[in-house]
Amino acid sequence: MNAADFRRIALSLEGAEEGWHMGSADFRVGGKIFATLAAQKEGYGNLMLSPELQADFVAEAPEFFVPIRGGWGRMGMTHVRLANANEDVLRGALQAAWKLRIAKNKKTKSKTPSKRPRRGH
């Protein structure tokens, strides 16, 4: 797998769109990022997972997944080694990040207070 495969699979997910963030391609659903190609020069795609999901992925398949260094990694941001991955692994990982983002988007919308007109306006 390579960056083109990552892009193709990410964009095949319902509602996914490609954007640009800090000089790198990102992939969004509902306007929020679920994956990026920020480390493609190093041979990685990046997934926005929860710390718990990241731990599961890394424990089950350390040849494919590694936490991103530092604070981002502690928050669940995860590298996927593109050269080691196959179609099924990459698709499953991107779907996991996509589903997590959709769930977070729904929680955010339900917490957003409705806008009421101000008095006198």
PDB file of N, CA and C in Angstrom:
ATOM      1  N   MET A   1       0.837  -1.178   0.000  1.00  0.00           N
ATOM      2  CA  MET A   1       0.000   0.000   0.000  1.00  0.00           C
ATOM      3  C   MET A   1       0.885   1.246   0.000  1.00  0.00           C
ATOM      4  N   ASN A   2       0.315   2.333  -0.471  1.00  0.00           N
ATOM      5  CA  ASN A   2       1.037   3.600  -0.525  1.00  0.00           C
ATOM      6  C   ASN A   2       0.062   4.754  -0.265  1.00  0.00           C
ATOM      7  N   ALA A   3       0.544   5.982  -0.379  1.00  0.00           N
ATOM      8  CA  ALA A   3      -0.296   7.147  -0.102  1.00  0.00           C
ATOM      9  C   ALA A   3      -1.502   7.219  -1.038  1.00  0.00           C
ATOM     10  N   ALA A   4      -1.333   6.832  -2.288  1.00  0.00           N
ATOM     11  CA  ALA A   4      -2.462   6.843  -3.227  1.00  0.00           C
ATOM     12  C   ALA A   4      -3.540   5.854  -2.800  1.00  0.00           C
ATOM     13  N   ASP A   5      -3.128   4.686  -2.302  1.00  0.00           N
ATOM     14  CA  ASP A   5      -4.093   3.704  -1.805  1.00  0.00           C
ATOM     15  C   ASP A   5      -4.821   4.247  -0.575  1.00  0.00           C
ATOM     16  N   PHE A   6      -4.067   4.864   0.329  1.00  0.00           N
ATOM     17  CA  PHE A   6      -4.641   5.464   1.536  1.00  0.00           C
ATOM     18  C   PHE A   6      -5.713   6.474   1.138  1.00  0.00           C
ATOM     19  N   ARG A   7      -5.373   7.361   0.205  1.00  0.00           N
ATOM     20  CA  ARG A   7      -6.302   8.395  -0.277  1.00  0.00           C
ATOM     21  C   ARG A   7      -7.541   7.751  -0.903  1.00  0.00           C
ATOM     22  N   ARG A   8      -7.350   6.780  -1.768  1.00  0.00           N
ATOM     23  CA  ARG A   8      -8.465   6.112  -2.455  1.00  0.00           C
ATOM     24  C   ARG A   8      -9.425   5.479  -1.459  1.00  0.00           C
ATOM     25  N   ILE A   9      -8.880   4.766  -0.484  1.00  0.00           N
ATOM     26  CA  ILE A   9      -9.732   4.089   0.498  1.00  0.00           C
ATOM     27  C   ILE A   9     -10.431   5.108   1.394  1.00  0.00           C
ATOM     28  N   ALA A  10      -9.695   6.099   1.865  1.00  0.00           N
ATOM     29  CA  ALA A  10     -10.298   7.122   2.731  1.00  0.00           C
ATOM     30  C   ALA A  10     -11.461   7.807   2.027  1.00  0.00           C
ATOM     31  N   LEU A  11     -11.271   8.156   0.763  1.00  0.00           N
ATOM     32  CA  LEU A  11     -12.312   8.873   0.019  1.00  0.00           C
ATOM     33  C   LEU A  11     -13.474   7.977  -0.396  1.00  0.00           C
ATOM     34  N   SER A  12     -13.307   6.658  -0.273  1.00  0.00           N
ATOM     35  CA  SER A  12     -14.406   5.745  -0.598  1.00  0.00           C
ATOM     36  C   SER A  12     -15.414   5.641   0.546  1.00  0.00           C
ATOM     37  N   LEU A  13     -15.055   6.146   1.721  1.00  0.00           N
ATOM     38  CA  LEU A  13     -15.942   6.083   2.881  1.00  0.00           C
ATOM     39  C   LEU A  13     -17.023   7.161   2.753  1.00  0.00           C
ATOM     40  N   GLU A  14     -18.238   6.810   3.133  1.00  0.00           N
ATOM     41  CA  GLU A  14     -19.376   7.700   2.934  1.00  0.00           C
ATOM     42  C   GLU A  14     -19.156   9.060   3.596  1.00  0.00           C
ATOM     43  N   GLY A  15     -19.331  10.109   2.801  1.00  0.00           N
ATOM     44  CA  GLY A  15     -19.213  11.475   3.312  1.00  0.00           C
ATOM     45  C   GLY A  15     -17.794  11.986   3.453  1.00  0.00           C
ATOM     46  N   ALA A  16     -16.800  11.164   3.130  1.00  0.00           N
ATOM     47  CA  ALA A  16     -15.407  11.582   3.288  1.00  0.00           C
ATOM     48  C   ALA A  16     -15.022  12.598   2.224  1.00  0.00           C
ATOM     49  N   GLU A  17     -14.250  13.577   2.655  1.00  0.00           N
ATOM     50  CA  GLU A  17     -13.746  14.612   1.760  1.00  0.00           C
ATOM     51  C   GLU A  17     -12.275  14.849   2.057  1.00  0.00           C
ATOM     52  N   GLU A  18     -11.536  15.224   1.027  1.00  0.00           N
ATOM     53  CA  GLU A  18     -10.133  15.547   1.226  1.00  0.00           C
ATOM     54  C   GLU A  18      -9.995  17.037   1.505  1.00  0.00           C
ATOM     55  N   GLY A  19      -9.158  17.351   2.463  1.00  0.00           N
ATOM     56  CA  GLY A  19      -8.852  18.738   2.798  1.00  0.00           C
ATOM     57  C   GLY A  19      -7.357  18.913   2.888  1.00  0.00           C
ATOM     58  N   TRP A  20      -6.964  20.024   3.446  1.00  0.00           N
ATOM     59  CA  TRP A  20      -5.550  20.373   3.559  1.00  0.00           C
ATOM     60  C   TRP A  20      -5.350  20.998   4.922  1.00  0.00           C
ATOM     61  N   HIS A  21      -4.410  20.478   5.689  1.00  0.00           N
ATOM     62  CA  HIS A  21      -4.176  20.984   7.030  1.00  0.00           C
ATOM     63  C   HIS A  21      -2.681  21.010   7.289  1.00  0.00           C
ATOM     64  N   MET A  22      -2.159  22.173   7.602  1.00  0.00           N
ATOM     65  CA  MET A  22      -0.744  22.338   7.930  1.00  0.00           C
ATOM     66  C   MET A  22       0.171  21.734   6.863  1.00  0.00           C
ATOM     67  N   GLY A  23      -0.171  21.941   5.599  1.00  0.00           N
ATOM     68  CA  GLY A  23       0.679  21.507   4.506  1.00  0.00           C
ATOM     69  C   GLY A  23       0.539  20.061   4.083  1.00  0.00           C
ATOM     70  N   SER A  24      -0.454  19.357   4.602  1.00  0.00           N
ATOM     71  CA  SER A  24      -0.636  17.943   4.255  1.00  0.00           C
ATOM     72  C   SER A  24      -2.095  17.635   3.979  1.00  0.00           C
ATOM     73  N   ALA A  25      -2.310  16.610   3.169  1.00  0.00           N
ATOM     74  CA  ALA A  25      -3.667  16.159   2.889  1.00  0.00           C
ATOM     75  C   ALA A  25      -4.283  15.579   4.156  1.00  0.00           C
ATOM     76  N   ASP A  26      -5.562  15.910   4.355  1.00  0.00           N
ATOM     77  CA  ASP A  26      -6.302  15.281   5.440  1.00  0.00           C
ATOM     78  C   ASP A  26      -7.626  14.778   4.884  1.00  0.00           C
ATOM     79  N   PHE A  27      -8.271  13.936   5.669  1.00  0.00           N
ATOM     80  CA  PHE A  27      -9.529  13.331   5.253  1.00  0.00           C
ATOM     81  C   PHE A  27     -10.531  13.565   6.363  1.00  0.00           C
ATOM     82  N   ARG A  28     -11.688  14.101   5.969  1.00  0.00           N
ATOM     83  CA  ARG A  28     -12.680  14.569   6.931  1.00  0.00           C
ATOM     84  C   ARG A  28     -14.045  13.955   6.653  1.00  0.00           C
ATOM     85  N   VAL A  29     -14.816  13.870   7.708  1.00  0.00           N
ATOM     86  CA  VAL A  29     -16.233  13.534   7.587  1.00  0.00           C
ATOM     87  C   VAL A  29     -16.965  14.514   8.501  1.00  0.00           C
ATOM     88  N   GLY A  30     -18.011  15.135   7.992  1.00  0.00           N
ATOM     89  CA  GLY A  30     -18.701  16.154   8.771  1.00  0.00           C
ATOM     90  C   GLY A  30     -17.818  17.334   9.093  1.00  0.00           C
ATOM     91  N   GLY A  31     -16.827  17.596   8.258  1.00  0.00           N
ATOM     92  CA  GLY A  31     -15.928  18.725   8.453  1.00  0.00           C
ATOM     93  C   GLY A  31     -14.810  18.488   9.453  1.00  0.00           C
ATOM     94  N   LYS A  32     -14.724  17.293  10.029  1.00  0.00           N
ATOM     95  CA  LYS A  32     -13.708  16.992  11.051  1.00  0.00           C
ATOM     96  C   LYS A  32     -12.765  15.899  10.559  1.00  0.00           C
ATOM     97  N   ILE A  33     -11.499  16.014  10.890  1.00  0.00           N
ATOM     98  CA  ILE A  33     -10.450  15.117  10.410  1.00  0.00           C
ATOM     99  C   ILE A  33     -10.529  13.751  11.088  1.00  0.00           C
ATOM    100  N   PHE A  34     -10.383  12.688  10.262  1.00  0.00           N
ATOM    101  CA  PHE A  34     -10.262  11.334  10.813  1.00  0.00           C
ATOM    102  C   PHE A  34      -8.948  10.664  10.398  1.00  0.00           C
ATOM    103  N   ALA A  35      -8.260  11.220   9.416  1.00  0.00           N
ATOM    104  CA  ALA A  35      -6.986  10.651   8.960  1.00  0.00           C
ATOM    105  C   ALA A  35      -6.212  11.717   8.196  1.00  0.00           C
ATOM    106  N   THR A  36      -4.877  11.536   8.120  1.00  0.00           N
ATOM    107  CA  THR A  36      -4.048  12.464   7.349  1.00  0.00           C
ATOM    108  C   THR A  36      -2.926  11.704   6.649  1.00  0.00           C
ATOM    109  N   LEU A  37      -2.300  12.408   5.749  1.00  0.00           N
ATOM    110  CA  LEU A  37      -1.074  11.917   5.099  1.00  0.00           C
ATOM    111  C   LEU A  37       0.101  12.810   5.489  1.00  0.00           C
ATOM    112  N   ALA A  38       0.086  13.330   6.699  1.00  0.00           N
ATOM    113  CA  ALA A  38       1.128  14.252   7.169  1.00  0.00           C
ATOM    114  C   ALA A  38       2.504  13.596   7.225  1.00  0.00           C
ATOM    115  N   ALA A  39       2.576  12.280   7.357  1.00  0.00           N
ATOM    116  CA  ALA A  39       3.865  11.581   7.458  1.00  0.00           C
ATOM    117  C   ALA A  39       4.092  10.642   6.281  1.00  0.00           C
ATOM    118  N   GLN A  40       3.508  10.958   5.142  1.00  0.00           N
ATOM    119  CA  GLN A  40       3.659  10.066   3.988  1.00  0.00           C
ATOM    120  C   GLN A  40       5.109   9.964   3.509  1.00  0.00           C
ATOM    121  N   LYS A  41       5.898  11.022   3.672  1.00  0.00           N
ATOM    122  CA  LYS A  41       7.306  10.962   3.261  1.00  0.00           C
ATOM    123  C   LYS A  41       8.093   9.935   4.064  1.00  0.00           C
ATOM    124  N   GLU A  42       7.618   9.660   5.283  1.00  0.00           N
ATOM    125  CA  GLU A  42       8.255   8.638   6.128  1.00  0.00           C
ATOM    126  C   GLU A  42       7.604   7.262   5.928  1.00  0.00           C
ATOM    127  N   GLY A  43       6.616   7.196   5.028  1.00  0.00           N
ATOM    128  CA  GLY A  43       5.960   5.923   4.721  1.00  0.00           C
ATOM    129  C   GLY A  43       4.741   5.607   5.564  1.00  0.00           C
ATOM    130  N   TYR A  44       4.186   6.638   6.217  1.00  0.00           N
ATOM    131  CA  TYR A  44       3.038   6.440   7.096  1.00  0.00           C
ATOM    132  C   TYR A  44       1.801   7.165   6.603  1.00  0.00           C
ATOM    133  N   GLY A  45       0.662   6.604   6.944  1.00  0.00           N
ATOM    134  CA  GLY A  45      -0.607   7.306   6.969  1.00  0.00           C
ATOM    135  C   GLY A  45      -0.924   7.498   8.445  1.00  0.00           C
ATOM    136  N   ASN A  46      -1.732   8.477   8.782  1.00  0.00           N
ATOM    137  CA  ASN A  46      -2.063   8.750  10.178  1.00  0.00           C
ATOM    138  C   ASN A  46      -3.555   8.585  10.407  1.00  0.00           C
ATOM    139  N   LEU A  47      -3.889   7.954  11.527  1.00  0.00           N
ATOM    140  CA  LEU A  47      -5.267   7.707  11.903  1.00  0.00           C
ATOM    141  C   LEU A  47      -5.566   8.416  13.207  1.00  0.00           C
ATOM    142  N   MET A  48      -6.737   8.979  13.328  1.00  0.00           N
ATOM    143  CA  MET A  48      -7.163   9.605  14.571  1.00  0.00           C
ATOM    144  C   MET A  48      -8.048   8.602  15.304  1.00  0.00           C
ATOM    145  N   LEU A  49      -7.437   7.877  16.233  1.00  0.00           N
ATOM    146  CA  LEU A  49      -8.122   6.859  17.013  1.00  0.00           C
ATOM    147  C   LEU A  49      -8.238   7.320  18.463  1.00  0.00           C
ATOM    148  N   SER A  50      -8.976   6.584  19.259  1.00  0.00           N
ATOM    149  CA  SER A  50      -8.979   6.822  20.703  1.00  0.00           C
ATOM    150  C   SER A  50      -7.750   6.115  21.270  1.00  0.00           C
ATOM    151  N   PRO A  51      -7.276   6.510  22.446  1.00  0.00           N
ATOM    152  CA  PRO A  51      -6.142   5.795  23.048  1.00  0.00           C
ATOM    153  C   PRO A  51      -6.424   4.298  23.227  1.00  0.00           C
ATOM    154  N   GLU A  52      -7.662   3.955  23.570  1.00  0.00           N
ATOM    155  CA  GLU A  52      -8.019   2.540  23.770  1.00  0.00           C
ATOM    156  C   GLU A  52      -7.977   1.771  22.455  1.00  0.00           C
ATOM    157  N   LEU A  53      -8.523   2.355  21.414  1.00  0.00           N
ATOM    158  CA  LEU A  53      -8.521   1.701  20.105  1.00  0.00           C
ATOM    159  C   LEU A  53      -7.094   1.596  19.572  1.00  0.00           C
ATOM    160  N   GLN A  54      -6.308   2.645  19.775  1.00  0.00           N
ATOM    161  CA  GLN A  54      -4.906   2.609  19.379  1.00  0.00           C
ATOM    162  C   GLN A  54      -4.186   1.450  20.056  1.00  0.00           C
ATOM    163  N   ALA A  55      -4.391   1.289  21.357  1.00  0.00           N
ATOM    164  CA  ALA A  55      -3.735   0.210  22.102  1.00  0.00           C
ATOM    165  C   ALA A  55      -4.116  -1.155  21.521  1.00  0.00           C
ATOM    166  N   ASP A  56      -5.377  -1.328  21.165  1.00  0.00           N
ATOM    167  CA  ASP A  56      -5.822  -2.590  20.561  1.00  0.00           C
ATOM    168  C   ASP A  56      -5.127  -2.837  19.219  1.00  0.00           C
ATOM    169  N   PHE A  57      -5.094  -1.822  18.366  1.00  0.00           N
ATOM    170  CA  PHE A  57      -4.470  -1.962  17.044  1.00  0.00           C
ATOM    171  C   PHE A  57      -2.988  -2.302  17.182  1.00  0.00           C
ATOM    172  N   VAL A  58      -2.289  -1.569  18.043  1.00  0.00           N
ATOM    173  CA  VAL A  58      -0.844  -1.769  18.216  1.00  0.00           C
ATOM    174  C   VAL A  58      -0.561  -3.155  18.810  1.00  0.00           C
ATOM    175  N   ALA A  59      -1.360  -3.575  19.778  1.00  0.00           N
ATOM    176  CA  ALA A  59      -1.158  -4.890  20.396  1.00  0.00           C
ATOM    177  C   ALA A  59      -1.415  -6.026  19.409  1.00  0.00           C
ATOM    178  N   GLU A  60      -2.452  -5.869  18.574  1.00  0.00           N
ATOM    179  CA  GLU A  60      -2.818  -6.925  17.619  1.00  0.00           C
ATOM    180  C   GLU A  60      -1.916  -6.963  16.392  1.00  0.00           C
ATOM    181  N   ALA A  61      -1.391  -5.823  15.977  1.00  0.00           N
ATOM    182  CA  ALA A  61      -0.623  -5.788  14.727  1.00  0.00           C
ATOM    183  C   ALA A  61       0.488  -4.738  14.783  1.00  0.00           C
ATOM    184  N   PRO A  62       1.513  -4.942  15.622  1.00  0.00           N
ATOM    185  CA  PRO A  62       2.579  -3.942  15.735  1.00  0.00           C
ATOM    186  C   PRO A  62       3.392  -3.777  14.450  1.00  0.00           C
ATOM    187  N   GLU A  63       3.294  -4.728  13.540  1.00  0.00           N
ATOM    188  CA  GLU A  63       3.984  -4.583  12.259  1.00  0.00           C
ATOM    189  C   GLU A  63       3.308  -3.548  11.361  1.00  0.00           C
ATOM    190  N   PHE A  64       2.050  -3.211  11.657  1.00  0.00           N
ATOM    191  CA  PHE A  64       1.307  -2.229  10.871  1.00  0.00           C
ATOM    192  C   PHE A  64       1.136  -0.900  11.586  1.00  0.00           C
ATOM    193  N   PHE A  65       0.949  -0.933  12.904  1.00  0.00           N
ATOM    194  CA  PHE A  65       0.544   0.261  13.657  1.00  0.00           C
ATOM    195  C   PHE A  65       1.548   0.637  14.723  1.00  0.00           C
ATOM    196  N   VAL A  66       1.766   1.946  14.863  1.00  0.00           N
ATOM    197  CA  VAL A  66       2.656   2.475  15.897  1.00  0.00           C
ATOM    198  C   VAL A  66       2.097   3.828  16.345  1.00  0.00           C
ATOM    199  N   PRO A  67       2.078   4.102  17.654  1.00  0.00           N
ATOM    200  CA  PRO A  67       1.618   5.418  18.109  1.00  0.00           C
ATOM    201  C   PRO A  67       2.521   6.525  17.569  1.00  0.00           C
ATOM    202  N   ILE A  68       1.929   7.647  17.215  1.00  0.00           N
ATOM    203  CA  ILE A  68       2.711   8.822  16.849  1.00  0.00           C
ATOM    204  C   ILE A  68       3.406   9.294  18.122  1.00  0.00           C
ATOM    205  N   ARG A  69       4.637   9.759  17.995  1.00  0.00           N
ATOM    206  CA  ARG A  69       5.419  10.182  19.170  1.00  0.00           C
ATOM    207  C   ARG A  69       4.779  11.358  19.888  1.00  0.00           C
ATOM    208  N   GLY A  70       5.006  11.393  21.186  1.00  0.00           N
ATOM    209  CA  GLY A  70       4.617  12.540  22.002  1.00  0.00           C
ATOM    210  C   GLY A  70       3.142  12.603  22.337  1.00  0.00           C
ATOM    211  N   GLY A  71       2.687  13.825  22.568  1.00  0.00           N
ATOM    212  CA  GLY A  71       1.325  14.073  23.009  1.00  0.00           C
ATOM    213  C   GLY A  71       0.261  13.616  22.027  1.00  0.00           C
ATOM    214  N   TRP A  72       0.537  13.778  20.725  1.00  0.00           N
ATOM    215  CA  TRP A  72      -0.440  13.326  19.732  1.00  0.00           C
ATOM    216  C   TRP A  72      -0.683  11.826  19.866  1.00  0.00           C
ATOM    217  N   GLY A  73       0.381  11.079  20.042  1.00  0.00           N
ATOM    218  CA  GLY A  73       0.249   9.636  20.203  1.00  0.00           C
ATOM    219  C   GLY A  73      -0.494   9.260  21.468  1.00  0.00           C
ATOM    220  N   ARG A  74      -0.240   9.981  22.540  1.00  0.00           N
ATOM    221  CA  ARG A  74      -0.952   9.700  23.797  1.00  0.00           C
ATOM    222  C   ARG A  74      -2.444   9.972  23.664  1.00  0.00           C
ATOM    223  N   MET A  75      -2.828  10.814  22.714  1.00  0.00           N
ATOM    224  CA  MET A  75      -4.248  11.104  22.482  1.00  0.00           C
ATOM    225  C   MET A  75      -4.884  10.106  21.513  1.00  0.00           C
ATOM    226  N   GLY A  76      -4.087   9.163  20.993  1.00  0.00           N
ATOM    227  CA  GLY A  76      -4.629   8.140  20.106  1.00  0.00           C
ATOM    228  C   GLY A  76      -4.214   8.263  18.643  1.00  0.00           C
ATOM    229  N   MET A  77      -3.457   9.295  18.305  1.00  0.00           N
ATOM    230  CA  MET A  77      -3.022   9.444  16.915  1.00  0.00           C
ATOM    231  C   MET A  77      -2.022   8.331  16.598  1.00  0.00           C
ATOM    232  N   THR A  78      -2.267   7.656  15.487  1.00  0.00           N
ATOM    233  CA  THR A  78      -1.556   6.410  15.189  1.00  0.00           C
ATOM    234  C   THR A  78      -1.039   6.400  13.765  1.00  0.00           C
ATOM    235  N   HIS A  79       0.229   5.994  13.599  1.00  0.00           N
ATOM    236  CA  HIS A  79       0.787   5.759  12.267  1.00  0.00           C
ATOM    237  C   HIS A  79       0.370   4.370  11.792  1.00  0.00           C
ATOM    238  N   VAL A  80       0.109   4.261  10.496  1.00  0.00           N
ATOM    239  CA  VAL A  80      -0.021   2.955   9.858  1.00  0.00           C
ATOM    240  C   VAL A  80       1.106   2.870   8.834  1.00  0.00           C
ATOM    241  N   ARG A  81       1.903   1.803   8.929  1.00  0.00           N
ATOM    242  CA  ARG A  81       3.029   1.609   8.001  1.00  0.00           C
ATOM    243  C   ARG A  81       2.460   1.152   6.663  1.00  0.00           C
ATOM    244  N   LEU A  82       2.438   2.051   5.706  1.00  0.00           N
ATOM    245  CA  LEU A  82       1.773   1.782   4.434  1.00  0.00           C
ATOM    246  C   LEU A  82       2.392   0.609   3.686  1.00  0.00           C
ATOM    247  N   ALA A  83       3.707   0.511   3.658  1.00  0.00           N
ATOM    248  CA  ALA A  83       4.372  -0.557   2.908  1.00  0.00           C
ATOM    249  C   ALA A  83       4.069  -1.936   3.486  1.00  0.00           C
ATOM    250  N   ASN A  84       3.773  -2.014   4.782  1.00  0.00           N
ATOM    251  CA  ASN A  84       3.483  -3.291   5.423  1.00  0.00           C
ATOM    252  C   ASN A  84       2.017  -3.685   5.314  1.00  0.00           C
ATOM    253  N   ALA A  85       1.154  -2.710   5.134  1.00  0.00           N
ATOM    254  CA  ALA A  85      -0.290  -2.957   5.158  1.00  0.00           C
ATOM    255  C   ALA A  85      -0.775  -3.566   3.850  1.00  0.00           C
ATOM    256  N   ASN A  86      -1.898  -4.249   3.949  1.00  0.00           N
ATOM    257  CA  ASN A  86      -2.592  -4.716   2.746  1.00  0.00           C
ATOM    258  C   ASN A  86      -3.936  -3.995   2.683  1.00  0.00           C
ATOM    259  N   GLU A  87      -4.684  -4.244   1.639  1.00  0.00           N
ATOM    260  CA  GLU A  87      -5.960  -3.557   1.417  1.00  0.00           C
ATOM    261  C   GLU A  87      -6.911  -3.733   2.607  1.00  0.00           C
ATOM    262  N   ASP A  88      -7.041  -4.945   3.097  1.00  0.00           N
ATOM    263  CA  ASP A  88      -7.978  -5.216   4.193  1.00  0.00           C
ATOM    264  C   ASP A  88      -7.574  -4.494   5.474  1.00  0.00           C
ATOM    265  N   VAL A  89      -6.294  -4.537   5.800  1.00  0.00           N
ATOM    266  CA  VAL A  89      -5.799  -3.869   7.012  1.00  0.00           C
ATOM    267  C   VAL A  89      -6.033  -2.367   6.909  1.00  0.00           C
ATOM    268  N   LEU A  90      -5.647  -1.791   5.784  1.00  0.00           N
ATOM    269  CA  LEU A  90      -5.775  -0.346   5.616  1.00  0.00           C
ATOM    270  C   LEU A  90      -7.243   0.072   5.611  1.00  0.00           C
ATOM    271  N   ARG A  91      -8.088  -0.663   4.916  1.00  0.00           N
ATOM    272  CA  ARG A  91      -9.513  -0.337   4.876  1.00  0.00           C
ATOM    273  C   ARG A  91     -10.121  -0.426   6.287  1.00  0.00           C
ATOM    274  N   GLY A  92      -9.802  -1.482   7.007  1.00  0.00           N
ATOM    275  CA  GLY A  92     -10.336  -1.646   8.360  1.00  0.00           C
ATOM    276  C   GLY A  92      -9.893  -0.537   9.296  1.00  0.00           C
ATOM    277  N   ALA A  93      -8.635  -0.142   9.196  1.00  0.00           N
ATOM    278  CA  ALA A  93      -8.107   0.916  10.057  1.00  0.00           C
ATOM    279  C   ALA A  93      -8.763   2.264   9.732  1.00  0.00           C
ATOM    280  N   LEU A  94      -8.878   2.573   8.450  1.00  0.00           N
ATOM    281  CA  LEU A  94      -9.514   3.833   8.058  1.00  0.00           C
ATOM    282  C   LEU A  94     -10.992   3.840   8.444  1.00  0.00           C
ATOM    283  N   GLN A  95     -11.657   2.714   8.292  1.00  0.00           N
ATOM    284  CA  GLN A  95     -13.068   2.646   8.693  1.00  0.00           C
ATOM    285  C   GLN A  95     -13.221   2.867  10.200  1.00  0.00           C
ATOM    286  N   ALA A  96     -12.299   2.325  10.989  1.00  0.00           N
ATOM    287  CA  ALA A  96     -12.355   2.512  12.439  1.00  0.00           C
ATOM    288  C   ALA A  96     -12.220   3.994  12.789  1.00  0.00           C
ATOM    289  N   ALA A  97     -11.265   4.686  12.165  1.00  0.00           N
ATOM    290  CA  ALA A  97     -11.068   6.116  12.429  1.00  0.00           C
ATOM    291  C   ALA A  97     -12.272   6.925  11.953  1.00  0.00           C
ATOM    292  N   TRP A  98     -12.816   6.565  10.806  1.00  0.00           N
ATOM    293  CA  TRP A  98     -13.993   7.232  10.230  1.00  0.00           C
ATOM    294  C   TRP A  98     -15.206   7.060  11.147  1.00  0.00           C
ATOM    295  N   LYS A  99     -15.457   5.839  11.615  1.00  0.00           N
ATOM    296  CA  LYS A  99     -16.595   5.579  12.510  1.00  0.00           C
ATOM    297  C   LYS A  99     -16.451   6.341  13.824  1.00  0.00           C
ATOM    298  N   LEU A 100     -15.249   6.378  14.352  1.00  0.00           N
ATOM    299  CA  LEU A 100     -14.997   7.110  15.588  1.00  0.00           C
ATOM    300  C   LEU A 100     -15.294   8.598  15.397  1.00  0.00           C
ATOM    301  N   ARG A 101     -14.863   9.144  14.271  1.00  0.00           N
ATOM    302  CA  ARG A 101     -15.109  10.562  13.985  1.00  0.00           C
ATOM    303  C   ARG A 101     -16.598  10.835  13.853  1.00  0.00           C
ATOM    304  N   ILE A 102     -17.333   9.963  13.190  1.00  0.00           N
ATOM    305  CA  ILE A 102     -18.780  10.139  13.057  1.00  0.00           C
ATOM    306  C   ILE A 102     -19.435  10.131  14.432  1.00  0.00           C
ATOM    307  N   ALA A 103     -19.034   9.209  15.288  1.00  0.00           N
ATOM    308  CA  ALA A 103     -19.588   9.138  16.643  1.00  0.00           C
ATOM    309  C   ALA A 103     -19.283  10.416  17.420  1.00  0.00           C
ATOM    310  N   LYS A 104     -18.055  10.922  17.310  1.00  0.00           N
ATOM    311  CA  LYS A 104     -17.691  12.165  17.997  1.00  0.00           C
ATOM    312  C   LYS A 104     -18.495  13.343  17.440  1.00  0.00           C
ATOM    313  N   ASN A 105     -18.691  13.368  16.121  1.00  0.00           N
ATOM    314  CA  ASN A 105     -19.469  14.442  15.503  1.00  0.00           C
ATOM    315  C   ASN A 105     -20.892  14.451  16.050  1.00  0.00           C
ATOM    316  N   LYS A 106     -21.488  13.279  16.213  1.00  0.00           N
ATOM    317  CA  LYS A 106     -22.862  13.191  16.739  1.00  0.00           C
ATOM    318  C   LYS A 106     -22.925  13.682  18.173  1.00  0.00           C
ATOM    319  N   LYS A 107     -21.932  13.330  18.982  1.00  0.00           N
ATOM    320  CA  LYS A 107     -21.904  13.784  20.373  1.00  0.00           C
ATOM    321  C   LYS A 107     -21.779  15.294  20.445  1.00  0.00           C
ATOM    322  N   THR A 108     -20.942  15.856  19.599  1.00  0.00           N
ATOM    323  CA  THR A 108     -20.741  17.309  19.584  1.00  0.00           C
ATOM    324  C   THR A 108     -22.024  18.023  19.197  1.00  0.00           C
ATOM    325  N   LYS A 109     -22.726  17.506  18.185  1.00  0.00           N
ATOM    326  CA  LYS A 109     -23.974  18.140  17.748  1.00  0.00           C
ATOM    327  C   LYS A 109     -25.028  18.097  18.831  1.00  0.00           C
ATOM    328  N   SER A 110     -25.095  16.991  19.567  1.00  0.00           N
ATOM    329  CA  SER A 110     -26.124  16.879  20.610  1.00  0.00           C
ATOM    330  C   SER A 110     -25.821  17.776  21.802  1.00  0.00           C
ATOM    331  N   LYS A 111     -24.573  18.186  21.984  1.00  0.00           N
ATOM    332  CA  LYS A 111     -24.200  19.062  23.094  1.00  0.00           C
ATOM    333  C   LYS A 111     -24.302  20.536  22.733  1.00  0.00           C
ATOM    334  N   THR A 112     -24.396  20.835  21.439  1.00  0.00           N
ATOM    335  CA  THR A 112     -24.446  22.226  20.997  1.00  0.00           C
ATOM    336  C   THR A 112     -25.800  22.818  21.361  1.00  0.00           C
ATOM    337  N   PRO A 113     -25.812  23.897  22.137  1.00  0.00           N
ATOM    338  CA  PRO A 113     -27.106  24.508  22.489  1.00  0.00           C
ATOM    339  C   PRO A 113     -27.767  25.127  21.265  1.00  0.00           C
ATOM    340  N   SER A 114     -29.065  25.076  21.268  1.00  0.00           N
ATOM    341  CA  SER A 114     -29.783  25.679  20.139  1.00  0.00           C
ATOM    342  C   SER A 114     -29.647  27.191  20.246  1.00  0.00           C
ATOM    343  N   LYS A 115     -29.662  27.826  19.105  1.00  0.00           N
ATOM    344  CA  LYS A 115     -29.554  29.285  19.085  1.00  0.00           C
ATOM    345  C   LYS A 115     -30.946  29.876  19.280  1.00  0.00           C
ATOM    346  N   ARG A 116     -31.061  30.729  20.264  1.00  0.00           N
ATOM    347  CA  ARG A 116     -32.321  31.416  20.515  1.00  0.00           C
ATOM    348  C   ARG A 116     -32.158  32.867  20.106  1.00  0.00           C
ATOM    349  N   PRO A 117     -33.222  33.426  19.614  1.00  0.00           N
ATOM    350  CA  PRO A 117     -33.131  34.870  19.301  1.00  0.00           C
ATOM    351  C   PRO A 117     -32.944  35.666  20.590  1.00  0.00           C
ATOM    352  N   ARG A 118     -32.147  36.705  20.499  1.00  0.00           N
ATOM    353  CA  ARG A 118     -31.946  37.574  21.654  1.00  0.00           C
ATOM    354  C   ARG A 118     -33.201  38.445  21.858  1.00  0.00           C
ATOM    355  N   ARG A 119     -33.404  38.826  23.089  1.00  0.00           N
ATOM    356  CA  ARG A 119     -34.513  39.732  23.375  1.00  0.00           C
ATOM    357  C   ARG A 119     -34.265  41.083  22.722  1.00  0.00           C
ATOM    358  N   GLY A 120     -35.302  41.606  22.159  1.00  0.00           N
ATOM    359  CA  GLY A 120     -35.199  42.933  21.581  1.00  0.00           C
ATOM    360  C   GLY A 120     -34.651  42.940  20.160  1.00  0.00           C
ATOM    361  N   HIS A 121     -34.365  41.746  19.612  1.00  0.00           N
ATOM    362  CA  HIS A 121     -33.828  41.702  18.238  1.00  0.00           C
ATOM    363  C   HIS A 121     -34.765  40.974  17.331  1.00  0.00           C
TER     364      HIS A 121
END
